[in-house]
N, C-alpha and C. Protein backbone atom coordinates (compact mmCIF):
# COMPACT_ATOMS: atom_id res chain seq x y z
N MET A 1 -9.09 -34.08 13.51
CA MET A 1 -8.06 -32.76 13.13
C MET A 1 -7.83 -31.57 12.41
N MET A 2 -8.19 -30.53 12.53
CA MET A 2 -8.13 -29.83 11.66
C MET A 2 -6.74 -29.47 11.29
N PRO A 3 -6.28 -29.12 10.40
CA PRO A 3 -5.07 -28.37 10.32
C PRO A 3 -4.77 -27.16 10.63
N TYR A 4 -3.91 -26.46 11.31
CA TYR A 4 -3.72 -24.94 11.84
C TYR A 4 -3.11 -23.92 11.03
N LYS A 5 -3.90 -23.64 11.00
CA LYS A 5 -3.73 -22.10 9.96
C LYS A 5 -2.82 -21.05 10.36
N ARG A 6 -1.69 -20.88 10.30
CA ARG A 6 -0.93 -19.49 10.58
C ARG A 6 -1.76 -18.42 10.20
N GLN A 7 -1.17 -17.34 11.03
CA GLN A 7 -2.03 -15.97 10.90
C GLN A 7 -1.16 -15.63 10.05
N LYS A 8 -1.12 -14.92 9.16
CA LYS A 8 -0.48 -13.75 8.42
C LYS A 8 -0.40 -12.06 8.48
N SER A 9 0.33 -11.79 9.12
CA SER A 9 0.25 -9.78 9.32
C SER A 9 0.60 -9.44 7.67
N TYR A 10 -0.12 -8.20 7.77
CA TYR A 10 0.85 -7.55 6.47
C TYR A 10 0.57 -5.51 6.88
N PHE A 11 1.37 -5.24 6.23
CA PHE A 11 1.68 -4.08 6.77
C PHE A 11 0.90 -3.00 5.59
N ILE A 12 0.32 -1.89 5.87
CA ILE A 12 -0.33 -1.25 5.16
C ILE A 12 0.04 0.65 5.30
N SER A 13 0.50 0.97 4.40
CA SER A 13 1.20 2.22 4.20
C SER A 13 0.49 2.92 3.36
N SER A 14 1.24 4.40 3.16
CA SER A 14 1.03 5.51 2.46
C SER A 14 2.28 5.93 2.03
N GLN A 15 2.46 6.44 0.42
CA GLN A 15 3.67 6.88 0.20
C GLN A 15 3.36 7.77 -1.07
N ALA A 16 3.99 9.05 -1.49
CA ALA A 16 3.41 9.44 -2.37
C ALA A 16 3.72 8.84 -3.64
N PHE A 17 3.34 8.97 -4.60
CA PHE A 17 3.20 8.53 -6.03
C PHE A 17 3.12 9.24 -6.97
N LEU A 18 4.02 9.24 -8.10
CA LEU A 18 4.22 10.41 -9.11
C LEU A 18 3.05 9.46 -10.20
N GLN A 19 1.90 9.61 -10.80
CA GLN A 19 0.93 8.80 -11.43
C GLN A 19 1.12 9.91 -13.00
N ASN A 20 0.25 9.04 -14.30
CA ASN A 20 0.46 10.08 -15.21
C ASN A 20 -1.15 10.37 -15.25
N CYS A 21 -1.26 11.78 -15.67
CA CYS A 21 -2.97 11.99 -15.25
C CYS A 21 -4.05 11.56 -16.29
N SER A 22 -3.18 11.86 -17.52
CA SER A 22 -3.91 12.16 -18.86
C SER A 22 -3.17 10.90 -19.79
N GLN A 23 -3.81 9.94 -20.48
CA GLN A 23 -2.44 9.21 -21.52
C GLN A 23 -2.83 9.81 -22.55
N TYR A 24 -3.68 11.23 -22.93
CA TYR A 24 -3.52 12.28 -23.91
C TYR A 24 -2.77 13.23 -24.08
N ASN A 25 -2.34 13.47 -22.52
CA ASN A 25 -1.17 14.79 -22.30
C ASN A 25 0.21 14.27 -21.55
N ASN A 26 1.20 14.62 -21.44
CA ASN A 26 2.26 14.64 -20.44
C ASN A 26 2.02 14.50 -19.39
N SER A 27 0.88 15.70 -18.93
CA SER A 27 0.68 15.70 -17.42
C SER A 27 0.89 14.73 -16.52
N GLN A 28 1.36 14.95 -14.92
CA GLN A 28 1.59 13.78 -13.89
C GLN A 28 1.19 15.02 -13.18
N ALA A 29 1.26 13.81 -12.12
CA ALA A 29 0.74 14.64 -10.54
C ALA A 29 1.00 13.50 -9.44
N TYR A 30 1.30 14.15 -8.29
CA TYR A 30 2.18 13.64 -7.44
C TYR A 30 0.67 12.70 -6.25
N LYS A 31 0.71 11.72 -5.58
CA LYS A 31 -1.01 11.35 -5.34
C LYS A 31 -0.33 10.41 -3.93
N ASN A 32 -0.92 10.37 -2.63
CA ASN A 32 -0.85 9.28 -1.85
C ASN A 32 -1.61 8.04 -1.84
N ILE A 33 -0.93 7.73 -2.36
CA ILE A 33 -1.35 5.91 -2.38
C ILE A 33 -1.36 5.18 -1.22
N VAL A 34 -2.13 4.46 -0.97
CA VAL A 34 -2.21 3.12 0.06
C VAL A 34 -1.41 1.92 -0.79
N THR A 35 -0.73 1.29 0.36
CA THR A 35 0.25 0.09 -0.22
C THR A 35 0.15 -1.14 1.04
N ILE A 36 0.54 -1.83 0.03
CA ILE A 36 0.75 -3.10 1.23
C ILE A 36 2.46 -3.58 1.16
N ASN A 37 3.01 -4.57 2.19
CA ASN A 37 4.38 -4.84 2.11
C ASN A 37 4.38 -6.29 1.39
N LEU A 38 3.11 -6.94 1.24
CA LEU A 38 3.02 -8.59 0.42
C LEU A 38 1.72 -8.74 -0.17
N ILE A 39 1.61 -9.78 -1.10
CA ILE A 39 0.71 -9.97 -1.74
C ILE A 39 -0.23 -10.62 -0.64
N PRO A 40 -1.64 -10.07 -0.86
CA PRO A 40 -1.86 -10.87 0.72
C PRO A 40 -3.32 -11.78 0.65
N GLU A 41 -3.28 -12.76 1.71
CA GLU A 41 -4.25 -14.13 1.43
C GLU A 41 -5.84 -13.37 1.53
N GLY A 42 -6.69 -14.21 0.92
CA GLY A 42 -7.90 -14.26 1.19
C GLY A 42 -8.27 -12.92 0.13
N PRO A 43 -9.81 -12.61 0.46
CA PRO A 43 -10.24 -11.68 -0.68
C PRO A 43 -9.32 -10.13 -1.36
N LEU A 44 -8.67 -10.15 0.16
CA LEU A 44 -8.33 -8.18 -0.25
C LEU A 44 -6.76 -8.57 -1.54
N ALA A 45 -6.60 -9.71 -1.83
CA ALA A 45 -5.54 -9.70 -2.92
C ALA A 45 -6.46 -9.50 -3.89
N MET A 46 -7.35 -9.84 -4.63
CA MET A 46 -8.07 -8.93 -5.92
C MET A 46 -7.97 -7.36 -6.32
N LEU A 47 -7.53 -6.63 -4.64
CA LEU A 47 -7.60 -5.13 -4.62
C LEU A 47 -5.83 -4.36 -4.87
N VAL A 48 -5.38 -5.98 -5.19
CA VAL A 48 -3.93 -5.01 -4.60
C VAL A 48 -2.90 -5.29 -6.25
N ARG A 49 -2.28 -4.37 -6.68
CA ARG A 49 -1.62 -4.43 -7.96
C ARG A 49 -0.02 -4.22 -7.99
N ARG A 50 0.66 -5.08 -8.36
CA ARG A 50 1.84 -3.97 -8.75
C ARG A 50 1.96 -3.36 -9.67
N VAL A 51 2.70 -1.69 -9.24
CA VAL A 51 2.91 -0.95 -10.30
C VAL A 51 4.49 -0.68 -10.20
N GLN A 52 4.74 0.33 -11.03
CA GLN A 52 6.39 0.64 -11.52
C GLN A 52 6.39 1.46 -10.80
N ASN A 53 7.15 1.61 -9.85
CA ASN A 53 7.25 2.76 -8.54
C ASN A 53 8.60 3.86 -9.26
N ARG A 54 7.79 5.02 -9.63
CA ARG A 54 9.07 6.07 -10.58
C ARG A 54 9.82 6.79 -9.57
N PRO A 55 10.87 7.56 -10.09
CA PRO A 55 11.33 8.48 -9.29
C PRO A 55 10.27 9.89 -9.29
N LEU A 56 10.40 10.07 -7.77
CA LEU A 56 9.13 11.06 -7.84
C LEU A 56 9.84 12.69 -8.22
N SER A 57 11.08 12.89 -8.71
CA SER A 57 12.00 14.35 -9.74
C SER A 57 12.82 13.46 -10.16
N LYS A 58 13.13 14.51 -10.70
CA LYS A 58 14.98 14.30 -11.71
C LYS A 58 15.74 13.93 -10.87
N PHE A 59 15.65 14.74 -9.53
CA PHE A 59 16.94 14.27 -8.85
C PHE A 59 16.94 13.14 -8.10
N GLN A 60 15.90 12.44 -8.03
CA GLN A 60 15.77 11.18 -7.54
C GLN A 60 16.06 10.15 -8.66
N GLY A 61 17.32 9.48 -8.52
CA GLY A 61 17.36 8.57 -9.91
C GLY A 61 16.75 7.00 -9.77
N TYR A 62 17.30 6.79 -10.56
CA TYR A 62 15.82 5.35 -10.95
C TYR A 62 16.69 4.48 -10.31
N PHE A 63 18.12 4.22 -9.64
CA PHE A 63 18.93 3.16 -9.29
C PHE A 63 18.42 3.00 -7.56
N GLU A 64 18.36 4.29 -7.05
CA GLU A 64 18.13 4.73 -5.67
C GLU A 64 16.65 4.27 -5.66
N ASN A 65 15.80 4.40 -6.42
CA ASN A 65 14.84 4.00 -6.27
C ASN A 65 14.22 2.33 -6.42
N GLN A 66 15.30 1.91 -7.45
CA GLN A 66 15.04 0.49 -7.27
C GLN A 66 15.76 -0.14 -6.02
N GLN A 67 16.63 0.45 -5.51
CA GLN A 67 16.98 -0.31 -4.28
C GLN A 67 16.12 -0.68 -3.60
N ASN A 68 15.53 0.45 -3.20
CA ASN A 68 14.50 0.73 -2.20
C ASN A 68 13.60 0.02 -2.23
N GLN A 69 12.77 -0.41 -4.06
CA GLN A 69 11.57 -1.38 -3.93
C GLN A 69 12.24 -2.59 -4.44
N GLN A 70 11.79 -4.05 -4.42
CA GLN A 70 11.77 -4.78 -5.13
C GLN A 70 11.54 -4.63 -6.86
N ASN A 71 12.37 -4.80 -7.63
CA ASN A 71 12.24 -4.82 -8.78
C ASN A 71 12.02 -3.77 -9.50
N GLY A 72 12.02 -2.56 -8.43
CA GLY A 72 11.29 -0.66 -9.16
C GLY A 72 9.76 -0.88 -8.81
N CYS A 73 9.05 -1.87 -8.15
CA CYS A 73 7.80 -1.93 -7.96
C CYS A 73 7.08 -1.58 -6.78
N LEU A 74 5.72 -1.39 -6.68
CA LEU A 74 5.57 -1.78 -5.20
C LEU A 74 4.14 -2.23 -5.25
N LEU A 75 3.75 -2.54 -4.53
CA LEU A 75 1.96 -3.17 -4.00
C LEU A 75 1.37 -2.38 -3.97
N ALA A 76 0.36 -1.95 -4.42
CA ALA A 76 -0.70 -0.50 -4.48
C ALA A 76 -1.89 -1.62 -4.61
N PHE A 77 -2.83 -0.64 -3.90
CA PHE A 77 -4.32 -1.12 -3.79
C PHE A 77 -5.02 -0.24 -5.12
N ILE A 78 -5.96 -1.05 -5.04
CA ILE A 78 -6.79 -0.21 -6.10
C ILE A 78 -8.19 0.25 -5.53
N SER A 79 -8.25 1.72 -5.98
CA SER A 79 -9.60 2.00 -5.33
C SER A 79 -10.86 1.52 -5.65
N LEU A 80 -11.48 1.48 -4.44
CA LEU A 80 -13.06 0.54 -4.29
C LEU A 80 -14.15 1.35 -4.89
N GLN A 81 -13.93 2.91 -4.79
CA GLN A 81 -14.62 3.20 -5.53
C GLN A 81 -14.51 3.55 -7.09
N ASP A 82 -13.30 3.43 -7.96
CA ASP A 82 -12.96 3.27 -9.41
C ASP A 82 -11.87 2.45 -9.98
N GLY A 83 -12.28 1.40 -10.13
CA GLY A 83 -11.27 0.08 -10.12
C GLY A 83 -10.70 0.82 -10.87
N SER A 84 -10.14 1.64 -11.83
CA SER A 84 -9.25 1.79 -13.12
C SER A 84 -8.17 2.68 -12.61
N ARG A 85 -8.33 3.61 -11.04
CA ARG A 85 -7.28 4.18 -10.46
C ARG A 85 -7.08 3.66 -9.50
N LEU A 86 -5.71 4.04 -8.72
CA LEU A 86 -5.10 3.50 -7.48
C LEU A 86 -5.74 4.06 -6.37
N MET A 87 -5.93 3.59 -5.18
CA MET A 87 -6.17 3.88 -3.33
C MET A 87 -6.01 4.86 -3.27
N ASP A 88 -6.46 6.04 -3.28
CA ASP A 88 -5.59 7.44 -2.29
C ASP A 88 -6.43 7.18 -0.63
N ILE A 89 -5.15 8.15 -0.05
CA ILE A 89 -5.43 8.51 1.45
C ILE A 89 -7.13 8.29 1.65
N ASN A 90 -7.27 9.17 1.31
CA ASN A 90 -8.83 9.28 1.73
C ASN A 90 -9.67 8.43 1.61
N GLU A 91 -9.52 7.12 0.78
CA GLU A 91 -10.08 5.71 0.81
C GLU A 91 -9.76 4.95 1.97
N VAL A 92 -9.18 5.02 2.99
CA VAL A 92 -8.78 4.24 4.09
C VAL A 92 -9.88 4.06 4.79
N PRO A 93 -11.14 5.00 5.25
CA PRO A 93 -12.01 4.44 5.60
C PRO A 93 -12.39 3.09 5.11
N ASP A 94 -13.21 3.13 3.76
CA ASP A 94 -13.77 2.43 3.06
C ASP A 94 -12.57 1.15 3.04
N LEU A 95 -11.40 1.60 3.21
CA LEU A 95 -10.83 0.02 3.10
C LEU A 95 -10.63 -0.81 4.55
N CYS A 96 -10.83 0.04 5.65
CA CYS A 96 -11.44 -0.65 6.92
C CYS A 96 -12.50 -1.21 6.87
N SER A 97 -13.60 -0.91 6.38
CA SER A 97 -15.10 -1.33 6.17
C SER A 97 -14.77 -2.32 5.34
N PHE A 98 -13.67 -2.32 4.47
CA PHE A 98 -13.70 -3.99 3.75
C PHE A 98 -12.79 -5.03 4.38
N LEU A 99 -12.11 -4.71 5.45
CA LEU A 99 -11.50 -5.36 5.77
C LEU A 99 -11.95 -5.92 6.78
N THR A 100 -12.81 -5.19 7.35
CA THR A 100 -13.64 -5.75 8.77
C THR A 100 -14.81 -6.89 8.59
N SER A 101 -15.35 -6.39 7.11
CA SER A 101 -16.02 -7.08 6.34
C SER A 101 -15.93 -8.50 5.72
N ASN A 102 -14.63 -8.81 5.70
CA ASN A 102 -13.56 -9.85 5.36
C ASN A 102 -12.76 -10.52 5.96
N GLY A 103 -12.66 -10.39 7.19
CA GLY A 103 -11.88 -11.42 7.94
C GLY A 103 -10.74 -10.57 8.59
N TYR A 104 -10.30 -9.36 8.02
CA TYR A 104 -9.40 -9.40 8.76
C TYR A 104 -9.89 -8.61 10.16
N ARG A 105 -8.10 -8.62 10.42
CA ARG A 105 -7.98 -7.67 11.50
C ARG A 105 -7.20 -7.00 11.77
N ILE A 106 -7.75 -5.72 12.57
CA ILE A 106 -6.68 -4.15 12.61
C ILE A 106 -5.79 -4.56 13.27
N ASP A 107 -4.69 -5.08 13.77
CA ASP A 107 -3.61 -4.80 14.91
C ASP A 107 -3.51 -3.33 15.31
N THR A 108 -4.17 -3.08 16.60
CA THR A 108 -3.61 -1.91 16.95
C THR A 108 -2.46 -1.89 17.97
N ASN A 109 -2.54 -3.01 18.29
CA ASN A 109 -0.95 -2.85 18.92
C ASN A 109 -0.11 -3.14 18.52
N ILE A 110 0.46 -3.75 17.48
CA ILE A 110 1.80 -3.50 16.72
C ILE A 110 1.56 -2.12 15.70
N THR A 111 0.45 -1.72 15.27
CA THR A 111 0.38 -0.57 14.47
C THR A 111 1.06 0.49 15.91
N GLN A 112 -0.07 0.92 17.18
CA GLN A 112 0.61 1.59 17.78
C GLN A 112 2.27 1.98 18.40
N MET A 113 2.71 0.45 18.75
CA MET A 113 3.91 0.24 18.44
C MET A 113 4.59 0.97 17.68
N PHE A 114 4.71 0.70 16.01
CA PHE A 114 6.00 1.15 15.25
C PHE A 114 5.39 2.64 15.08
N ASN A 115 4.04 3.33 15.43
CA ASN A 115 3.66 4.75 15.33
C ASN A 115 4.55 5.17 16.61
N SER A 116 4.74 4.77 17.85
CA SER A 116 5.19 5.26 19.12
C SER A 116 6.79 5.65 18.64
N GLY A 117 7.54 4.64 17.44
CA GLY A 117 8.72 4.50 17.90
C GLY A 117 9.13 5.36 16.56
N ASN A 118 10.25 5.98 16.66
CA ASN A 118 10.64 6.51 15.05
C ASN A 118 11.30 5.86 14.09
N ILE A 119 10.16 4.69 13.73
CA ILE A 119 10.48 4.21 12.49
C ILE A 119 10.28 4.18 11.41
N ASN A 120 11.03 4.52 10.38
CA ASN A 120 10.30 4.92 9.35
C ASN A 120 10.75 4.16 8.13
N PHE A 121 10.09 3.88 7.14
CA PHE A 121 10.30 2.84 6.21
C PHE A 121 10.50 3.44 4.47
N ASP A 122 11.45 4.19 4.13
CA ASP A 122 11.80 4.28 2.90
C ASP A 122 10.91 5.04 2.41
N ASN A 123 9.99 6.13 3.09
CA ASN A 123 9.45 7.55 3.03
C ASN A 123 7.94 6.87 2.75
N LYS A 124 7.55 5.97 3.90
CA LYS A 124 6.14 5.65 3.77
C LYS A 124 5.55 5.91 4.95
N GLN A 125 4.41 6.20 5.26
CA GLN A 125 3.46 6.45 6.64
C GLN A 125 3.29 5.36 6.51
N THR A 126 3.47 5.18 8.38
CA THR A 126 2.53 3.99 8.71
C THR A 126 1.01 4.13 9.26
N LEU A 127 -0.12 3.25 8.04
CA LEU A 127 -1.36 3.45 8.35
C LEU A 127 -1.93 2.75 9.71
N PHE A 128 -1.52 1.24 9.15
CA PHE A 128 -1.73 0.15 10.55
C PHE A 128 -1.31 -1.27 9.93
N PHE A 129 -1.12 -1.94 10.92
CA PHE A 129 -0.91 -3.71 10.01
C PHE A 129 -2.23 -4.41 10.55
N ILE A 130 -2.07 -5.34 9.63
CA ILE A 130 -3.79 -6.04 9.76
C ILE A 130 -3.17 -7.54 10.27
N ASN A 131 -4.06 -8.74 10.34
CA ASN A 131 -3.84 -9.36 10.73
C ASN A 131 -4.97 -10.55 10.05
N TYR A 132 -4.68 -11.86 8.98
CA TYR A 132 -5.85 -12.89 8.93
C TYR A 132 -5.33 -13.83 8.59
């Protein structure tokens, strides 16, 4: 008898992120990146990086930001097109292709339930839930 494998669910979202644009100058830019709530099992784990979640403005304190994210960090996807940068919202179709090609299932029922209610998660926009 094969042991029962428990199905895991993950929350995929997007949120504004303040990134440094260049190591040679001090410029910064906002970008909507794609995040996940937990480090996933399976091949998706190789696309997830823990990144420092800096305050979006000088009016948003570090302490407030730290309360919203464990240790001031979040789990972000790296780009499928350029592994040196974070995945932005425009790459979600590529992420969906990766997910379906690697045995993940997009859970439309749970996604629809969260999108139909007025449920907000610390300035995150719900994209979808997945199961593996």
